[in-house]
Amino acid sequence: MSTYVLVPGFFFGPWVWEEVGRLLDDAGHQVRVVSLTGQGERAGEATPDVSVTTHVADIVDAIGDLSEVVLVLHSGATIAGTAAADRVPERLRRIVYVDTAPFPDGMAQIEFLPPDVQAEQRRQIETEGQGWLLPARPFDEDDQLRDPVALADLSARDLALMRRRASAQPAAMVLGPARRPAEIPDTPRTLLACTFSIEQVQAMVAAGVPAFSMLAGPEWTMTGLPTGHWPMLSRPKELAELLAGS
């Protein structure tokens, strides 16, 4: 049996992993879900001082003295989660990136987005988020129509739950750059690609696209799970099965 530490992406807390965690637990695995400062259920703790370093500490603390951990990072958890993994490689058996990937040193999460989306997020942070929060996206039917790839396979009930439980994201996680050590640990890593096909990912790795450059190397395996960006809600059973096989 394995030990899983699950980290939510932007806007959400541990609740988003509830079904996947239950399925892993039912299969006999140990599961620990990280609650990140200023996010999800801890949104009331958000301040301008919450930084990538804060979330790195949250993740390292959640791993604690566990060993042979499968660290599972979703979406915006990649920068803090990768930095945490770099700090405690001796405690990890594998890192699983769910529709995300590690960035090279110096790259911020926002730089992965198209220029127009970057500009809109920066505007939202400044005008709606007091300069230090990114408001949550609408997660409604219109949002799904505008972005059918990211919000694929989510029911109206899923969207209603996401709207109700989403919280603004501390902007440091959006704007703060990734920091990697000079020698990166060779921890085995798995990409579970949802909104990109494996063929698309491999083509971008081969082309040297910066956001995908860290996916090259013998430590990587790649598996497709075609669905939207939140497979823990749209495909929880399939996601749990893939994690259990990692």
Foldseek 3Di string as FASTA:
>chain_A
DAEEEEEDAAFAAQVLLVLLVVVLVVVPYHYHYFGADCHFVNVVRDDLPDALVRRLVSSLVSLPPAAQYAYEYAQLCQQSSLVNCQVCVRRYQEYEYEQAYHAPFPAFQLVVDPPVVSVVQCVCCVPVVVVFWRADDQLAPVVCVVPVLQQFQADRVNSVVSNVRGGIGGCNSRPPGHHADPDGDLRQYEYAHASDDPVRLVVCCVVPPRRNVVQDDPSYDYHYDHGHSSCCRRPSVVVSVVVVVD
